[in-house]
Amino acid sequence: MPQQVDTDSLKKAEASTSLAKNMITQAIEQSSANPTMAEEALKQAATEIAQAQTMVSQVQSMMQAQASQNAKK
């Protein structure tokens, strides 16, 4: 039986990384004109990246658990 991949979680992770990329770009653009906004954009980017890492880790764990169960059969 093939492993089921939680594509919804992976799509959410992809969206989070896309948001993070945009925020990092914004921080670069704002860095000299408005350091406070640049810092806030980087904080938000870090949060998005952490959420993406969590979602990817959850999918990996689920796949490993499925592989382990399939190995026992």
PDB file of N, CA and C in Angstrom:
ATOM      1  N   MET A   1       0.841  -1.184   0.000  1.00  0.00           N
ATOM      2  CA  MET A   1       0.000   0.000   0.000  1.00  0.00           C
ATOM      3  C   MET A   1       0.890   1.253   0.000  1.00  0.00           C
ATOM      4  N   PRO A   2       0.689   2.165  -0.943  1.00  0.00           N
ATOM      5  CA  PRO A   2       1.535   3.366  -0.997  1.00  0.00           C
ATOM      6  C   PRO A   2       1.264   4.287   0.183  1.00  0.00           C
ATOM      7  N   GLN A   3       2.301   5.041   0.526  1.00  0.00           N
ATOM      8  CA  GLN A   3       2.166   5.972   1.644  1.00  0.00           C
ATOM      9  C   GLN A   3       1.277   7.137   1.247  1.00  0.00           C
ATOM     10  N   GLN A   4       0.471   7.584   2.190  1.00  0.00           N
ATOM     11  CA  GLN A   4      -0.364   8.754   1.975  1.00  0.00           C
ATOM     12  C   GLN A   4       0.413   9.991   2.429  1.00  0.00           C
ATOM     13  N   VAL A   5       0.503  10.977   1.574  1.00  0.00           N
ATOM     14  CA  VAL A   5       1.192  12.215   1.895  1.00  0.00           C
ATOM     15  C   VAL A   5       0.136  13.271   2.164  1.00  0.00           C
ATOM     16  N   ASP A   6       0.300  13.982   3.253  1.00  0.00           N
ATOM     17  CA  ASP A   6      -0.635  15.047   3.609  1.00  0.00           C
ATOM     18  C   ASP A   6      -0.315  16.277   2.758  1.00  0.00           C
ATOM     19  N   THR A   7      -0.892  16.306   1.562  1.00  0.00           N
ATOM     20  CA  THR A   7      -0.584  17.405   0.642  1.00  0.00           C
ATOM     21  C   THR A   7      -1.107  18.740   1.141  1.00  0.00           C
ATOM     22  N   ASP A   8      -2.189  18.723   1.914  1.00  0.00           N
ATOM     23  CA  ASP A   8      -2.697  19.989   2.461  1.00  0.00           C
ATOM     24  C   ASP A   8      -1.653  20.651   3.359  1.00  0.00           C
ATOM     25  N   SER A   9      -1.034  19.873   4.224  1.00  0.00           N
ATOM     26  CA  SER A   9       0.001  20.423   5.109  1.00  0.00           C
ATOM     27  C   SER A   9       1.193  20.925   4.303  1.00  0.00           C
ATOM     28  N   LEU A  10       1.559  20.181   3.274  1.00  0.00           N
ATOM     29  CA  LEU A  10       2.692  20.607   2.457  1.00  0.00           C
ATOM     30  C   LEU A  10       2.368  21.880   1.673  1.00  0.00           C
ATOM     31  N   LYS A  11       1.127  22.008   1.220  1.00  0.00           N
ATOM     32  CA  LYS A  11       0.725  23.233   0.520  1.00  0.00           C
ATOM     33  C   LYS A  11       0.727  24.423   1.474  1.00  0.00           C
ATOM     34  N   LYS A  12       0.308  24.187   2.720  1.00  0.00           N
ATOM     35  CA  LYS A  12       0.353  25.254   3.729  1.00  0.00           C
ATOM     36  C   LYS A  12       1.799  25.642   4.030  1.00  0.00           C
ATOM     37  N   ALA A  13       2.670  24.655   4.095  1.00  0.00           N
ATOM     38  CA  ALA A  13       4.090  24.933   4.321  1.00  0.00           C
ATOM     39  C   ALA A  13       4.658  25.735   3.160  1.00  0.00           C
ATOM     40  N   GLU A  14       4.267  25.381   1.959  1.00  0.00           N
ATOM     41  CA  GLU A  14       4.725  26.113   0.779  1.00  0.00           C
ATOM     42  C   GLU A  14       4.241  27.565   0.826  1.00  0.00           C
ATOM     43  N   ALA A  15       2.985  27.756   1.234  1.00  0.00           N
ATOM     44  CA  ALA A  15       2.449  29.119   1.350  1.00  0.00           C
ATOM     45  C   ALA A  15       3.205  29.909   2.412  1.00  0.00           C
ATOM     46  N   SER A  16       3.522  29.257   3.523  1.00  0.00           N
ATOM     47  CA  SER A  16       4.275  29.928   4.585  1.00  0.00           C
ATOM     48  C   SER A  16       5.656  30.354   4.113  1.00  0.00           C
ATOM     49  N   THR A  17       6.302  29.491   3.354  1.00  0.00           N
ATOM     50  CA  THR A  17       7.636  29.854   2.872  1.00  0.00           C
ATOM     51  C   THR A  17       7.569  30.966   1.833  1.00  0.00           C
ATOM     52  N   SER A  18       6.506  30.974   1.059  1.00  0.00           N
ATOM     53  CA  SER A  18       6.323  32.054   0.082  1.00  0.00           C
ATOM     54  C   SER A  18       6.114  33.387   0.803  1.00  0.00           C
ATOM     55  N   LEU A  19       5.302  33.362   1.853  1.00  0.00           N
ATOM     56  CA  LEU A  19       5.108  34.572   2.659  1.00  0.00           C
ATOM     57  C   LEU A  19       6.414  35.026   3.284  1.00  0.00           C
ATOM     58  N   ALA A  20       7.170  34.066   3.800  1.00  0.00           N
ATOM     59  CA  ALA A  20       8.455  34.396   4.427  1.00  0.00           C
ATOM     60  C   ALA A  20       9.394  35.040   3.414  1.00  0.00           C
ATOM     61  N   LYS A  21       9.425  34.491   2.211  1.00  0.00           N
ATOM     62  CA  LYS A  21      10.272  35.057   1.156  1.00  0.00           C
ATOM     63  C   LYS A  21       9.884  36.503   0.877  1.00  0.00           C
ATOM     64  N   ASN A  22       8.593  36.753   0.776  1.00  0.00           N
ATOM     65  CA  ASN A  22       8.123  38.118   0.526  1.00  0.00           C
ATOM     66  C   ASN A  22       8.496  39.055   1.669  1.00  0.00           C
ATOM     67  N   MET A  23       8.390  38.565   2.892  1.00  0.00           N
ATOM     68  CA  MET A  23       8.729  39.393   4.056  1.00  0.00           C
ATOM     69  C   MET A  23      10.223  39.688   4.111  1.00  0.00           C
ATOM     70  N   ILE A  24      11.031  38.710   3.741  1.00  0.00           N
ATOM     71  CA  ILE A  24      12.482  38.928   3.717  1.00  0.00           C
ATOM     72  C   ILE A  24      12.832  39.952   2.632  1.00  0.00           C
ATOM     73  N   THR A  25      12.186  39.836   1.486  1.00  0.00           N
ATOM     74  CA  THR A  25      12.396  40.817   0.414  1.00  0.00           C
ATOM     75  C   THR A  25      12.006  42.213   0.893  1.00  0.00           C
ATOM     76  N   GLN A  26      10.883  42.294   1.579  1.00  0.00           N
ATOM     77  CA  GLN A  26      10.434  43.574   2.133  1.00  0.00           C
ATOM     78  C   GLN A  26      11.453  44.113   3.137  1.00  0.00           C
ATOM     79  N   ALA A  27      11.977  43.254   3.970  1.00  0.00           N
ATOM     80  CA  ALA A  27      12.964  43.682   4.968  1.00  0.00           C
ATOM     81  C   ALA A  27      14.208  44.233   4.288  1.00  0.00           C
ATOM     82  N   ILE A  28      14.630  43.568   3.216  1.00  0.00           N
ATOM     83  CA  ILE A  28      15.808  44.054   2.479  1.00  0.00           C
ATOM     84  C   ILE A  28      15.529  45.440   1.906  1.00  0.00           C
ATOM     85  N   GLU A  29      14.361  45.589   1.309  1.00  0.00           N
ATOM     86  CA  GLU A  29      14.007  46.866   0.690  1.00  0.00           C
ATOM     87  C   GLU A  29      13.870  47.983   1.729  1.00  0.00           C
ATOM     88  N   GLN A  30      13.394  47.631   2.920  1.00  0.00           N
ATOM     89  CA  GLN A  30      13.127  48.625   3.962  1.00  0.00           C
ATOM     90  C   GLN A  30      14.335  48.870   4.863  1.00  0.00           C
ATOM     91  N   SER A  31      15.357  48.055   4.738  1.00  0.00           N
ATOM     92  CA  SER A  31      16.441  48.052   5.723  1.00  0.00           C
ATOM     93  C   SER A  31      17.073  49.415   5.965  1.00  0.00           C
ATOM     94  N   SER A  32      17.295  50.176   4.932  1.00  0.00           N
ATOM     95  CA  SER A  32      17.923  51.481   5.162  1.00  0.00           C
ATOM     96  C   SER A  32      16.896  52.562   5.456  1.00  0.00           C
ATOM     97  N   ALA A  33      15.732  52.495   4.839  1.00  0.00           N
ATOM     98  CA  ALA A  33      14.725  53.537   5.015  1.00  0.00           C
ATOM     99  C   ALA A  33      13.980  53.418   6.344  1.00  0.00           C
ATOM    100  N   ASN A  34      13.687  52.179   6.742  1.00  0.00           N
ATOM    101  CA  ASN A  34      12.893  51.993   7.955  1.00  0.00           C
ATOM    102  C   ASN A  34      13.331  50.708   8.663  1.00  0.00           C
ATOM    103  N   PRO A  35      14.389  50.798   9.442  1.00  0.00           N
ATOM    104  CA  PRO A  35      14.907  49.597  10.117  1.00  0.00           C
ATOM    105  C   PRO A  35      13.886  48.915  11.029  1.00  0.00           C
ATOM    106  N   THR A  36      12.984  49.673  11.624  1.00  0.00           N
ATOM    107  CA  THR A  36      11.980  49.079  12.511  1.00  0.00           C
ATOM    108  C   THR A  36      11.034  48.176  11.723  1.00  0.00           C
ATOM    109  N   MET A  37      10.587  48.649  10.568  1.00  0.00           N
ATOM    110  CA  MET A  37       9.713  47.819   9.731  1.00  0.00           C
ATOM    111  C   MET A  37      10.461  46.610   9.188  1.00  0.00           C
ATOM    112  N   ALA A  38      11.719  46.800   8.868  1.00  0.00           N
ATOM    113  CA  ALA A  38      12.532  45.684   8.388  1.00  0.00           C
ATOM    114  C   ALA A  38      12.654  44.614   9.466  1.00  0.00           C
ATOM    115  N   GLU A  39      12.881  45.050  10.694  1.00  0.00           N
ATOM    116  CA  GLU A  39      12.992  44.095  11.805  1.00  0.00           C
ATOM    117  C   GLU A  39      11.683  43.351  12.014  1.00  0.00           C
ATOM    118  N   GLU A  40      10.566  44.041  11.925  1.00  0.00           N
ATOM    119  CA  GLU A  40       9.260  43.399  12.100  1.00  0.00           C
ATOM    120  C   GLU A  40       9.008  42.391  10.973  1.00  0.00           C
ATOM    121  N   ALA A  41       9.374  42.757   9.760  1.00  0.00           N
ATOM    122  CA  ALA A  41       9.195  41.836   8.635  1.00  0.00           C
ATOM    123  C   ALA A  41      10.030  40.572   8.838  1.00  0.00           C
ATOM    124  N   LEU A  42      11.235  40.719   9.365  1.00  0.00           N
ATOM    125  CA  LEU A  42      12.083  39.551   9.624  1.00  0.00           C
ATOM    126  C   LEU A  42      11.500  38.674  10.733  1.00  0.00           C
ATOM    127  N   LYS A  43      10.922  39.299  11.756  1.00  0.00           N
ATOM    128  CA  LYS A  43      10.279  38.517  12.822  1.00  0.00           C
ATOM    129  C   LYS A  43       9.114  37.708  12.256  1.00  0.00           C
ATOM    130  N   GLN A  44       8.319  38.349  11.413  1.00  0.00           N
ATOM    131  CA  GLN A  44       7.183  37.646  10.808  1.00  0.00           C
ATOM    132  C   GLN A  44       7.668  36.517   9.896  1.00  0.00           C
ATOM    133  N   ALA A  45       8.734  36.785   9.160  1.00  0.00           N
ATOM    134  CA  ALA A  45       9.298  35.753   8.290  1.00  0.00           C
ATOM    135  C   ALA A  45       9.765  34.558   9.115  1.00  0.00           C
ATOM    136  N   ALA A  46      10.408  34.826  10.237  1.00  0.00           N
ATOM    137  CA  ALA A  46      10.882  33.748  11.106  1.00  0.00           C
ATOM    138  C   ALA A  46       9.719  32.909  11.618  1.00  0.00           C
ATOM    139  N   THR A  47       8.621  33.553  11.951  1.00  0.00           N
ATOM    140  CA  THR A  47       7.428  32.840  12.410  1.00  0.00           C
ATOM    141  C   THR A  47       6.876  31.950  11.304  1.00  0.00           C
ATOM    142  N   GLU A  48       6.797  32.487  10.092  1.00  0.00           N
ATOM    143  CA  GLU A  48       6.299  31.699   8.955  1.00  0.00           C
ATOM    144  C   GLU A  48       7.203  30.500   8.676  1.00  0.00           C
ATOM    145  N   ILE A  49       8.501  30.705   8.757  1.00  0.00           N
ATOM    146  CA  ILE A  49       9.448  29.614   8.517  1.00  0.00           C
ATOM    147  C   ILE A  49       9.288  28.534   9.584  1.00  0.00           C
ATOM    148  N   ALA A  50       9.114  28.942  10.831  1.00  0.00           N
ATOM    149  CA  ALA A  50       8.923  27.970  11.915  1.00  0.00           C
ATOM    150  C   ALA A  50       7.648  27.158  11.693  1.00  0.00           C
ATOM    151  N   GLN A  51       6.579  27.822  11.244  1.00  0.00           N
ATOM    152  CA  GLN A  51       5.335  27.102  10.970  1.00  0.00           C
ATOM    153  C   GLN A  51       5.528  26.105   9.829  1.00  0.00           C
ATOM    154  N   ALA A  52       6.244  26.526   8.799  1.00  0.00           N
ATOM    155  CA  ALA A  52       6.499  25.622   7.670  1.00  0.00           C
ATOM    156  C   ALA A  52       7.313  24.407   8.127  1.00  0.00           C
ATOM    157  N   GLN A  53       8.326  24.649   8.959  1.00  0.00           N
ATOM    158  CA  GLN A  53       9.143  23.540   9.468  1.00  0.00           C
ATOM    159  C   GLN A  53       8.293  22.567  10.268  1.00  0.00           C
ATOM    160  N   THR A  54       7.396  23.084  11.071  1.00  0.00           N
ATOM    161  CA  THR A  54       6.515  22.228  11.873  1.00  0.00           C
ATOM    162  C   THR A  54       5.641  21.368  10.977  1.00  0.00           C
ATOM    163  N   MET A  55       5.055  21.980   9.953  1.00  0.00           N
ATOM    164  CA  MET A  55       4.179  21.219   9.050  1.00  0.00           C
ATOM    165  C   MET A  55       4.951  20.148   8.296  1.00  0.00           C
ATOM    166  N   VAL A  56       6.133  20.470   7.819  1.00  0.00           N
ATOM    167  CA  VAL A  56       6.949  19.493   7.097  1.00  0.00           C
ATOM    168  C   VAL A  56       7.361  18.364   8.041  1.00  0.00           C
ATOM    169  N   SER A  57       7.733  18.695   9.263  1.00  0.00           N
ATOM    170  CA  SER A  57       8.111  17.671  10.244  1.00  0.00           C
ATOM    171  C   SER A  57       6.947  16.737  10.546  1.00  0.00           C
ATOM    172  N   GLN A  58       5.747  17.298  10.642  1.00  0.00           N
ATOM    173  CA  GLN A  58       4.570  16.466  10.903  1.00  0.00           C
ATOM    174  C   GLN A  58       4.334  15.489   9.756  1.00  0.00           C
ATOM    175  N   VAL A  59       4.474  15.961   8.529  1.00  0.00           N
ATOM    176  CA  VAL A  59       4.296  15.082   7.366  1.00  0.00           C
ATOM    177  C   VAL A  59       5.373  13.997   7.363  1.00  0.00           C
ATOM    178  N   GLN A  60       6.621  14.388   7.660  1.00  0.00           N
ATOM    179  CA  GLN A  60       7.704  13.399   7.712  1.00  0.00           C
ATOM    180  C   GLN A  60       7.423  12.339   8.768  1.00  0.00           C
ATOM    181  N   SER A  61       6.983  12.767   9.941  1.00  0.00           N
ATOM    182  CA  SER A  61       6.689  11.822  11.025  1.00  0.00           C
ATOM    183  C   SER A  61       5.579  10.871  10.623  1.00  0.00           C
ATOM    184  N   MET A  62       4.558  11.407   9.977  1.00  0.00           N
ATOM    185  CA  MET A  62       3.444  10.575   9.547  1.00  0.00           C
ATOM    186  C   MET A  62       3.917   9.544   8.517  1.00  0.00           C
ATOM    187  N   MET A  63       4.765   9.978   7.595  1.00  0.00           N
ATOM    188  CA  MET A  63       5.270   9.054   6.579  1.00  0.00           C
ATOM    189  C   MET A  63       6.157   7.979   7.199  1.00  0.00           C
ATOM    190  N   GLN A  64       6.974   8.364   8.185  1.00  0.00           N
ATOM    191  CA  GLN A  64       7.825   7.387   8.856  1.00  0.00           C
ATOM    192  C   GLN A  64       6.980   6.380   9.628  1.00  0.00           C
ATOM    193  N   ALA A  65       5.913   6.859  10.260  1.00  0.00           N
ATOM    194  CA  ALA A  65       5.032   5.957  11.005  1.00  0.00           C
ATOM    195  C   ALA A  65       4.352   4.984  10.048  1.00  0.00           C
ATOM    196  N   GLN A  66       3.916   5.483   8.899  1.00  0.00           N
ATOM    197  CA  GLN A  66       3.291   4.606   7.913  1.00  0.00           C
ATOM    198  C   GLN A  66       4.279   3.578   7.385  1.00  0.00           C
ATOM    199  N   ALA A  67       5.509   4.022   7.128  1.00  0.00           N
ATOM    200  CA  ALA A  67       6.533   3.099   6.642  1.00  0.00           C
ATOM    201  C   ALA A  67       6.820   2.023   7.688  1.00  0.00           C
ATOM    202  N   SER A  68       6.846   2.416   8.931  1.00  0.00           N
ATOM    203  CA  SER A  68       7.090   1.458  10.015  1.00  0.00           C
ATOM    204  C   SER A  68       5.957   0.445  10.115  1.00  0.00           C
ATOM    205  N   GLN A  69       4.733   0.938   9.999  1.00  0.00           N
ATOM    206  CA  GLN A  69       3.587   0.034  10.041  1.00  0.00           C
ATOM    207  C   GLN A  69       3.600  -0.922   8.856  1.00  0.00           C
ATOM    208  N   ASN A  70       3.951  -0.399   7.680  1.00  0.00           N
ATOM    209  CA  ASN A  70       3.991  -1.252   6.489  1.00  0.00           C
ATOM    210  C   ASN A  70       5.106  -2.300   6.598  1.00  0.00           C
ATOM    211  N   ALA A  71       6.183  -1.958   7.240  1.00  0.00           N
ATOM    212  CA  ALA A  71       7.297  -2.893   7.427  1.00  0.00           C
ATOM    213  C   ALA A  71       6.898  -4.041   8.350  1.00  0.00           C
ATOM    214  N   LYS A  72       6.023  -3.765   9.285  1.00  0.00           N
ATOM    215  CA  LYS A  72       5.586  -4.792  10.242  1.00  0.00           C
ATOM    216  C   LYS A  72       4.598  -5.777   9.628  1.00  0.00           C
ATOM    217  N   LYS A  73       3.986  -5.374   8.505  1.00  0.00           N
ATOM    218  CA  LYS A  73       2.971  -6.255   7.874  1.00  0.00           C
ATOM    219  C   LYS A  73       3.604  -7.380   7.113  1.00  0.00           C
TER     220      LYS A  73
END
